[in-house]
C-alpha atoms as a PDB file:
ATOM      1  CA  MET A   1      19.483 -18.971  -7.259  1.00  0.00           C
ATOM      2  CA  GLN A   2      17.312 -17.741  -9.478  1.00  0.00           C
ATOM      3  CA  VAL A   3      15.387 -14.637  -7.964  1.00  0.00           C
ATOM      4  CA  ARG A   4      12.696 -12.736  -8.973  1.00  0.00           C
ATOM      5  CA  TRP A   5       9.809 -10.847  -8.026  1.00  0.00           C
ATOM      6  CA  VAL A   6       6.306 -11.905  -7.781  1.00  0.00           C
ATOM      7  CA  GLN A   7       4.392  -9.079  -6.581  1.00  0.00           C
ATOM      8  CA  LYS A   8       6.332  -5.660  -5.754  1.00  0.00           C
ATOM      9  CA  SER A   9       3.907  -2.949  -5.281  1.00  0.00           C
ATOM     10  CA  GLY A  10       5.549  -0.952  -2.535  1.00  0.00           C
ATOM     11  CA  MET A  11       4.135  -2.337   0.712  1.00  0.00           C
ATOM     12  CA  ASP A  12       5.703  -2.347   4.379  1.00  0.00           C
ATOM     13  CA  ARG A  13       5.815  -5.847   4.505  1.00  0.00           C
ATOM     14  CA  VAL A  14       7.462  -8.450   2.102  1.00  0.00           C
ATOM     15  CA  LEU A  15       7.541 -12.140   2.184  1.00  0.00           C
ATOM     16  CA  VAL A  16      10.096 -14.360   0.353  1.00  0.00           C
ATOM     17  CA  VAL A  17       9.355 -17.514  -0.733  1.00  0.00           C
ATOM     18  CA  PHE A  18      12.138 -20.369  -1.396  1.00  0.00           C
ATOM     19  CA  GLY A  19      10.729 -22.541  -3.421  1.00  0.00           C
ATOM     20  CA  GLY A  20      11.246 -26.905  -3.694  1.00  0.00           C
ATOM     21  CA  TRP A  21      13.406 -28.123  -6.476  1.00  0.00           C
ATOM     22  CA  ALA A  22      12.020 -28.133  -9.957  1.00  0.00           C
ATOM     23  CA  LEU A  23       8.441 -27.086  -9.144  1.00  0.00           C
ATOM     24  CA  GLY A  24       8.910 -23.449  -9.449  1.00  0.00           C
ATOM     25  CA  TRP A  25       5.940 -20.943  -8.240  1.00  0.00           C
ATOM     26  CA  ALA A  26       2.698 -23.021  -9.970  1.00  0.00           C
ATOM     27  CA  PRO A  27       2.455 -24.759  -6.167  1.00  0.00           C
ATOM     28  CA  PHE A  28       1.936 -21.097  -4.791  1.00  0.00           C
ATOM     29  CA  ALA A  29       0.301 -19.358  -7.298  1.00  0.00           C
ATOM     30  CA  HIS A  30      -3.530 -19.353  -5.802  1.00  0.00           C
ATOM     31  CA  LEU A  31      -2.543 -18.000  -2.636  1.00  0.00           C
ATOM     32  CA  LYS A  32      -3.815 -15.099  -1.532  1.00  0.00           C
ATOM     33  CA  SER A  33      -1.173 -12.469  -0.351  1.00  0.00           C
ATOM     34  CA  ASN A  34      -1.665  -9.010   1.484  1.00  0.00           C
ATOM     35  CA  CYS A  35       2.264  -8.507   1.462  1.00  0.00           C
ATOM     36  CA  ASP A  36       4.942  -8.264  -1.789  1.00  0.00           C
ATOM     37  CA  ILE A  37       6.638 -11.237  -2.361  1.00  0.00           C
ATOM     38  CA  VAL A  38       9.521 -12.416  -3.809  1.00  0.00           C
ATOM     39  CA  PHE A  39      10.408 -15.864  -4.968  1.00  0.00           C
ATOM     40  CA  ALA A  40      13.492 -17.904  -4.958  1.00  0.00           C
ATOM     41  CA  GLU A  41      14.423 -21.472  -6.371  1.00  0.00           C
ATOM     42  CA  ASP A  42      17.310 -23.039  -7.972  1.00  0.00           C
ATOM     43  CA  TYR A  43      19.960 -23.548  -5.350  1.00  0.00           C
ATOM     44  CA  ARG A  44      22.983 -24.429  -6.874  1.00  0.00           C
ATOM     45  CA  ASP A  45      24.398 -21.485  -5.239  1.00  0.00           C
ATOM     46  CA  LEU A  46      23.262 -19.487  -2.896  1.00  0.00           C
ATOM     47  CA  SER A  47      24.984 -16.210  -3.435  1.00  0.00           C
ATOM     48  CA  ASP A  48      22.175 -13.760  -4.126  1.00  0.00           C
ATOM     49  CA  THR A  49      21.895 -11.275  -1.631  1.00  0.00           C
ATOM     50  CA  LEU A  50      17.989 -10.396  -2.071  1.00  0.00           C
ATOM     51  CA  ASP A  51      18.819  -7.096  -2.679  1.00  0.00           C
ATOM     52  CA  GLY A  52      15.631  -4.719  -1.411  1.00  0.00           C
ATOM     53  CA  ILE A  53      13.936  -7.006   1.368  1.00  0.00           C
ATOM     54  CA  SER A  54      16.210  -5.285   4.143  1.00  0.00           C
ATOM     55  CA  ASN A  55      14.191  -1.952   3.101  1.00  0.00           C
ATOM     56  CA  TYR A  56      10.531  -3.592   4.488  1.00  0.00           C
ATOM     57  CA  GLN A  57       9.001  -2.854   7.766  1.00  0.00           C
ATOM     58  CA  ILE A  58       7.765  -6.530   8.270  1.00  0.00           C
ATOM     59  CA  ARG A  59       9.867  -9.467   6.331  1.00  0.00           C
ATOM     60  CA  ASP A  60       8.925 -13.026   6.577  1.00  0.00           C
ATOM     61  CA  VAL A  61      10.046 -16.379   4.591  1.00  0.00           C
ATOM     62  CA  VAL A  62       8.284 -19.433   3.870  1.00  0.00           C
ATOM     63  CA  ALA A  63      10.729 -22.081   2.823  1.00  0.00           C
ATOM     64  CA  PHE A  64       9.173 -25.550   1.101  1.00  0.00           C
ATOM     65  CA  SER A  65      10.996 -29.048   0.517  1.00  0.00           C
ATOM     66  CA  TYR A  66      14.964 -28.131  -0.307  1.00  0.00           C
ATOM     67  CA  GLY A  67      14.175 -24.544   0.134  1.00  0.00           C
ATOM     68  CA  VAL A  68      14.164 -25.436   3.613  1.00  0.00           C
ATOM     69  CA  SER A  69      17.898 -26.159   3.874  1.00  0.00           C
ATOM     70  CA  GLY A  70      18.286 -23.957   0.915  1.00  0.00           C
ATOM     71  CA  PHE A  71      16.964 -21.245   3.257  1.00  0.00           C
ATOM     72  CA  ALA A  72      19.017 -21.628   6.203  1.00  0.00           C
ATOM     73  CA  PHE A  73      22.649 -21.899   4.180  1.00  0.00           C
ATOM     74  CA  TRP A  74      21.591 -18.630   2.625  1.00  0.00           C
ATOM     75  CA  GLN A  75      20.202 -17.203   6.074  1.00  0.00           C
ATOM     76  CA  ASP A  76      23.772 -18.395   7.377  1.00  0.00           C
ATOM     77  CA  GLN A  77      25.533 -16.425   4.843  1.00  0.00           C
ATOM     78  CA  HIS A  78      23.184 -13.249   4.939  1.00  0.00           C
ATOM     79  CA  ALA A  79      22.348 -11.355   8.192  1.00  0.00           C
ATOM     80  CA  ILE A  80      18.780 -10.209   7.398  1.00  0.00           C
ATOM     81  CA  PRO A  81      16.431 -11.006   9.993  1.00  0.00           C
ATOM     82  CA  PHE A  82      13.117 -12.299   9.527  1.00  0.00           C
ATOM     83  CA  ASP A  83      10.215 -11.723  11.551  1.00  0.00           C
ATOM     84  CA  ARG A  84       8.307 -15.096  11.029  1.00  0.00           C
ATOM     85  CA  LYS A  85       9.953 -18.120   9.316  1.00  0.00           C
ATOM     86  CA  VAL A  86       7.991 -21.118   8.181  1.00  0.00           C
ATOM     87  CA  ALA A  87       9.265 -24.367   6.905  1.00  0.00           C
ATOM     88  CA  VAL A  88       6.722 -26.714   5.029  1.00  0.00           C
ATOM     89  CA  ASN A  89       7.942 -30.174   3.700  1.00  0.00           C
ATOM     90  CA  GLY A  90      11.887 -30.361   4.323  1.00  0.00           C
ATOM     91  CA  THR A  91      14.804 -30.683   7.089  1.00  0.00           C
ATOM     92  CA  LEU A  92      17.978 -29.538   7.354  1.00  0.00           C
ATOM     93  CA  THR A  93      19.089 -32.962   6.020  1.00  0.00           C
ATOM     94  CA  PRO A  94      18.042 -33.128   2.521  1.00  0.00           C
ATOM     95  CA  VAL A  95      20.094 -36.331   1.888  1.00  0.00           C
ATOM     96  CA  SER A  96      20.088 -39.130   4.584  1.00  0.00           C
ATOM     97  CA  ASP A  97      18.732 -42.152   5.455  1.00  0.00           C
ATOM     98  CA  GLN A  98      16.868 -40.816   8.477  1.00  0.00           C
ATOM     99  CA  THR A  99      15.912 -37.722   8.321  1.00  0.00           C
ATOM    100  CA  GLY A 100      15.434 -36.777   4.759  1.00  0.00           C
ATOM    101  CA  ILE A 101      15.301 -38.590   1.167  1.00  0.00           C
ATOM    102  CA  ALA A 102      17.091 -41.884   1.257  1.00  0.00           C
ATOM    103  CA  LYS A 103      20.473 -41.550   0.048  1.00  0.00           C
ATOM    104  CA  ALA A 104      19.305 -44.550  -2.496  1.00  0.00           C
ATOM    105  CA  ILE A 105      16.477 -42.680  -3.349  1.00  0.00           C
ATOM    106  CA  PHE A 106      18.348 -39.663  -4.340  1.00  0.00           C
ATOM    107  CA  GLN A 107      21.080 -41.318  -6.001  1.00  0.00           C
ATOM    108  CA  LYS A 108      18.623 -43.063  -8.226  1.00  0.00           C
ATOM    109  CA  THR A 109      16.515 -39.719  -8.797  1.00  0.00           C
ATOM    110  CA  HIS A 110      19.586 -37.856 -10.077  1.00  0.00           C
ATOM    111  CA  ASP A 111      21.088 -40.930 -12.057  1.00  0.00           C
ATOM    112  CA  THR A 112      17.705 -41.438 -14.013  1.00  0.00           C
ATOM    113  CA  LEU A 113      16.167 -38.070 -14.323  1.00  0.00           C
ATOM    114  CA  GLU A 114      14.451 -37.228 -17.626  1.00  0.00           C
ATOM    115  CA  THR A 115      11.488 -36.066 -19.083  1.00  0.00           C
ATOM    116  CA  ASN A 116       9.295 -38.896 -18.249  1.00  0.00           C
ATOM    117  CA  THR A 117      10.404 -39.753 -14.626  1.00  0.00           C
ATOM    118  CA  PHE A 118      10.059 -36.296 -13.794  1.00  0.00           C
ATOM    119  CA  GLN A 119       6.299 -36.551 -14.910  1.00  0.00           C
ATOM    120  CA  LEU A 120       6.350 -39.241 -12.712  1.00  0.00           C
ATOM    121  CA  PHE A 121       8.213 -37.806  -9.505  1.00  0.00           C
ATOM    122  CA  MET A 122       5.657 -34.359 -10.019  1.00  0.00           C
ATOM    123  CA  ARG A 123       2.160 -36.585  -9.748  1.00  0.00           C
ATOM    124  CA  ARG A 124       3.902 -38.267  -6.414  1.00  0.00           C
ATOM    125  CA  ALA A 125       4.802 -34.605  -5.225  1.00  0.00           C
ATOM    126  CA  TYR A 126       0.855 -33.529  -5.991  1.00  0.00           C
ATOM    127  CA  GLU A 127      -0.970 -37.022  -5.633  1.00  0.00           C
ATOM    128  CA  ALA A 128      -2.617 -36.242  -8.779  1.00  0.00           C
ATOM    129  CA  ASN A 129      -1.720 -35.943 -12.498  1.00  0.00           C
ATOM    130  CA  GLN A 130      -0.041 -33.336 -13.703  1.00  0.00           C
ATOM    131  CA  THR A 131      -0.292 -31.357 -16.933  1.00  0.00           C
ATOM    132  CA  ASP A 132       3.462 -31.944 -18.363  1.00  0.00           C
ATOM    133  CA  THR A 133       5.915 -29.426 -16.568  1.00  0.00           C
ATOM    134  CA  PRO A 134       8.938 -28.599 -18.481  1.00  0.00           C
ATOM    135  CA  ILE A 135      12.614 -29.513 -16.767  1.00  0.00           C
ATOM    136  CA  ASP A 136      16.236 -28.252 -17.965  1.00  0.00           C
ATOM    137  CA  ILE A 137      17.471 -32.139 -17.358  1.00  0.00           C
ATOM    138  CA  PRO A 138      21.334 -31.094 -16.873  1.00  0.00           C
ATOM    139  CA  ALA A 139      20.480 -27.538 -14.575  1.00  0.00           C
ATOM    140  CA  ARG A 140      18.045 -29.747 -12.235  1.00  0.00           C
ATOM    141  CA  LYS A 141      21.043 -32.675 -11.742  1.00  0.00           C
ATOM    142  CA  ALA A 142      23.631 -30.242 -11.183  1.00  0.00           C
ATOM    143  CA  GLU A 143      21.384 -28.368  -8.077  1.00  0.00           C
ATOM    144  CA  LEU A 144      20.450 -31.894  -6.717  1.00  0.00           C
ATOM    145  CA  LYS A 145      24.321 -32.355  -6.578  1.00  0.00           C
ATOM    146  CA  ALA A 146      25.261 -29.052  -5.312  1.00  0.00           C
ATOM    147  CA  ILE A 147      22.461 -29.761  -2.529  1.00  0.00           C
ATOM    148  CA  GLU A 148      23.692 -33.169  -1.685  1.00  0.00           C
ATOM    149  CA  ALA A 149      27.496 -31.182  -1.397  1.00  0.00           C
ATOM    150  CA  ARG A 150      26.215 -28.881   0.755  1.00  0.00           C
ATOM    151  CA  GLY A 151      25.101 -31.735   3.813  1.00  0.00           C
ATOM    152  CA  ALA A 152      23.073 -30.477   6.756  1.00  0.00           C
ATOM    153  CA  ALA A 153      22.193 -27.137   7.019  1.00  0.00           C
ATOM    154  CA  PRO A 154      22.549 -24.682  10.194  1.00  0.00           C
ATOM    155  CA  ASP A 155      19.316 -24.413  12.146  1.00  0.00           C
ATOM    156  CA  PRO A 156      17.479 -20.941  11.547  1.00  0.00           C
ATOM    157  CA  GLY A 157      14.962 -21.326  14.077  1.00  0.00           C
ATOM    158  CA  PHE A 158      11.843 -21.612  12.613  1.00  0.00           C
ATOM    159  CA  ASP A 159       8.683 -20.757  14.277  1.00  0.00           C
ATOM    160  CA  ARG A 160       6.488 -23.102  12.632  1.00  0.00           C
ATOM    161  CA  ILE A 161       6.946 -26.433  10.855  1.00  0.00           C
ATOM    162  CA  TRP A 162       4.654 -28.289   8.244  1.00  0.00           C
ATOM    163  CA  ILE A 163       4.560 -31.721   7.753  1.00  0.00           C
ATOM    164  CA  SER A 164       2.236 -33.524   5.365  1.00  0.00           C
ATOM    165  CA  THR A 165       0.786 -36.733   6.575  1.00  0.00           C
ATOM    166  CA  LYS A 166       0.923 -38.189   2.869  1.00  0.00           C
ATOM    167  CA  ASP A 167       4.169 -37.103   2.048  1.00  0.00           C
ATOM    168  CA  ARG A 168       5.731 -39.264  -0.867  1.00  0.00           C
ATOM    169  CA  ILE A 169       8.986 -37.127  -1.495  1.00  0.00           C
ATOM    170  CA  ILE A 170      10.334 -36.613   1.977  1.00  0.00           C
ATOM    171  CA  PRO A 171       8.511 -39.255   3.896  1.00  0.00           C
ATOM    172  CA  THR A 172       6.563 -38.043   6.836  1.00  0.00           C
ATOM    173  CA  SER A 173       8.429 -40.264   9.307  1.00  0.00           C
ATOM    174  CA  ALA A 174      11.567 -39.261   7.952  1.00  0.00           C
ATOM    175  CA  GLN A 175      10.340 -35.536   8.617  1.00  0.00           C
ATOM    176  CA  ARG A 176       9.037 -36.300  12.502  1.00  0.00           C
ATOM    177  CA  ARG A 177      12.295 -37.947  12.958  1.00  0.00           C
ATOM    178  CA  ALA A 178      14.162 -34.415  11.997  1.00  0.00           C
ATOM    179  CA  TRP A 179      11.738 -32.154  13.959  1.00  0.00           C
ATOM    180  CA  ALA A 180      11.248 -34.281  17.032  1.00  0.00           C
ATOM    181  CA  ALA A 181      13.215 -31.971  19.310  1.00  0.00           C
ATOM    182  CA  SER A 182      10.749 -28.878  17.847  1.00  0.00           C
ATOM    183  CA  SER A 183       7.472 -27.521  19.483  1.00  0.00           C
ATOM    184  CA  ASN A 184       6.871 -25.957  16.695  1.00  0.00           C
ATOM    185  CA  THR A 185       5.451 -28.683  14.161  1.00  0.00           C
ATOM    186  CA  ARG A 186       1.819 -29.193  12.825  1.00  0.00           C
ATOM    187  CA  ASP A 187       0.521 -31.773  10.856  1.00  0.00           C
ATOM    188  CA  VAL A 188      -1.121 -30.975   6.986  1.00  0.00           C
ATOM    189  CA  ASP A 189      -3.467 -33.366   5.732  1.00  0.00           C
ATOM    190  CA  ALA A 190      -1.705 -32.798   2.265  1.00  0.00           C
ATOM    191  CA  PRO A 191       0.837 -34.710  -0.151  1.00  0.00           C
ATOM    192  CA  HIS A 192       4.324 -33.283  -0.309  1.00  0.00           C
ATOM    193  CA  VAL A 193       2.714 -30.233  -2.355  1.00  0.00           C
ATOM    194  CA  PRO A 194       0.355 -29.313   0.134  1.00  0.00           C
ATOM    195  CA  PHE A 195      -0.720 -25.851  -0.960  1.00  0.00           C
ATOM    196  CA  ALA A 196      -4.263 -26.477  -2.048  1.00  0.00           C
ATOM    197  CA  ALA A 197      -5.133 -27.060   1.602  1.00  0.00           C
ATOM    198  CA  TRP A 198      -4.898 -23.384   1.886  1.00  0.00           C
ATOM    199  CA  GLN A 199      -5.863 -19.939   0.527  1.00  0.00           C
ATOM    200  CA  SER A 200      -3.926 -17.714   1.653  1.00  0.00           C
ATOM    201  CA  TRP A 201      -0.675 -17.169   2.848  1.00  0.00           C
ATOM    202  CA  ASP A 202      -1.674 -16.161   5.989  1.00  0.00           C
ATOM    203  CA  GLU A 203      -2.638 -19.304   6.711  1.00  0.00           C
ATOM    204  CA  VAL A 204       0.718 -20.751   5.634  1.00  0.00           C
ATOM    205  CA  LEU A 205       2.338 -18.503   8.220  1.00  0.00           C
ATOM    206  CA  ALA A 206      -0.095 -19.284  10.802  1.00  0.00           C
END
């Protein structure tokens, strides 16, 4: 993983954010916080131990999109407890015809990935035009293959599961099937990247 501290000011609470594939920190940048924040992305490997978070009195995690399975696998390897765990528009089966991104679509995304197709992906994710976002094509292809190779992730027990009603990346219907047994789901009227619907991390963690 690639990990960086977005905010570190010695508070007693830390939020760990597992981001989505290739989207970086931008979707979250406007959200107000009252805690220190660690951002993780790039799930080619999950060996980073997130040094420093065990020292906090309160630890929360928000996992978004493919960060949901990334976090689930990471948590299975690292026995650090979290006070609240929130999933946003992701499932434990990232490549699945029923409960994730369909295999054929996933394969097409991998095989045709280049700058212009990535910009199309971004427009679908946000349901809005985005300024050109740089992408490392070989790295992001390798990340997709690593995600696929891991398969289904163990369930870490999310306290809240947000599902966008207009998700065109991980279809809303697939997410509903994936979390059908959970009583912790809640809808948000938004596209795949839903964070414009909120002003603060406390709203996401609600």
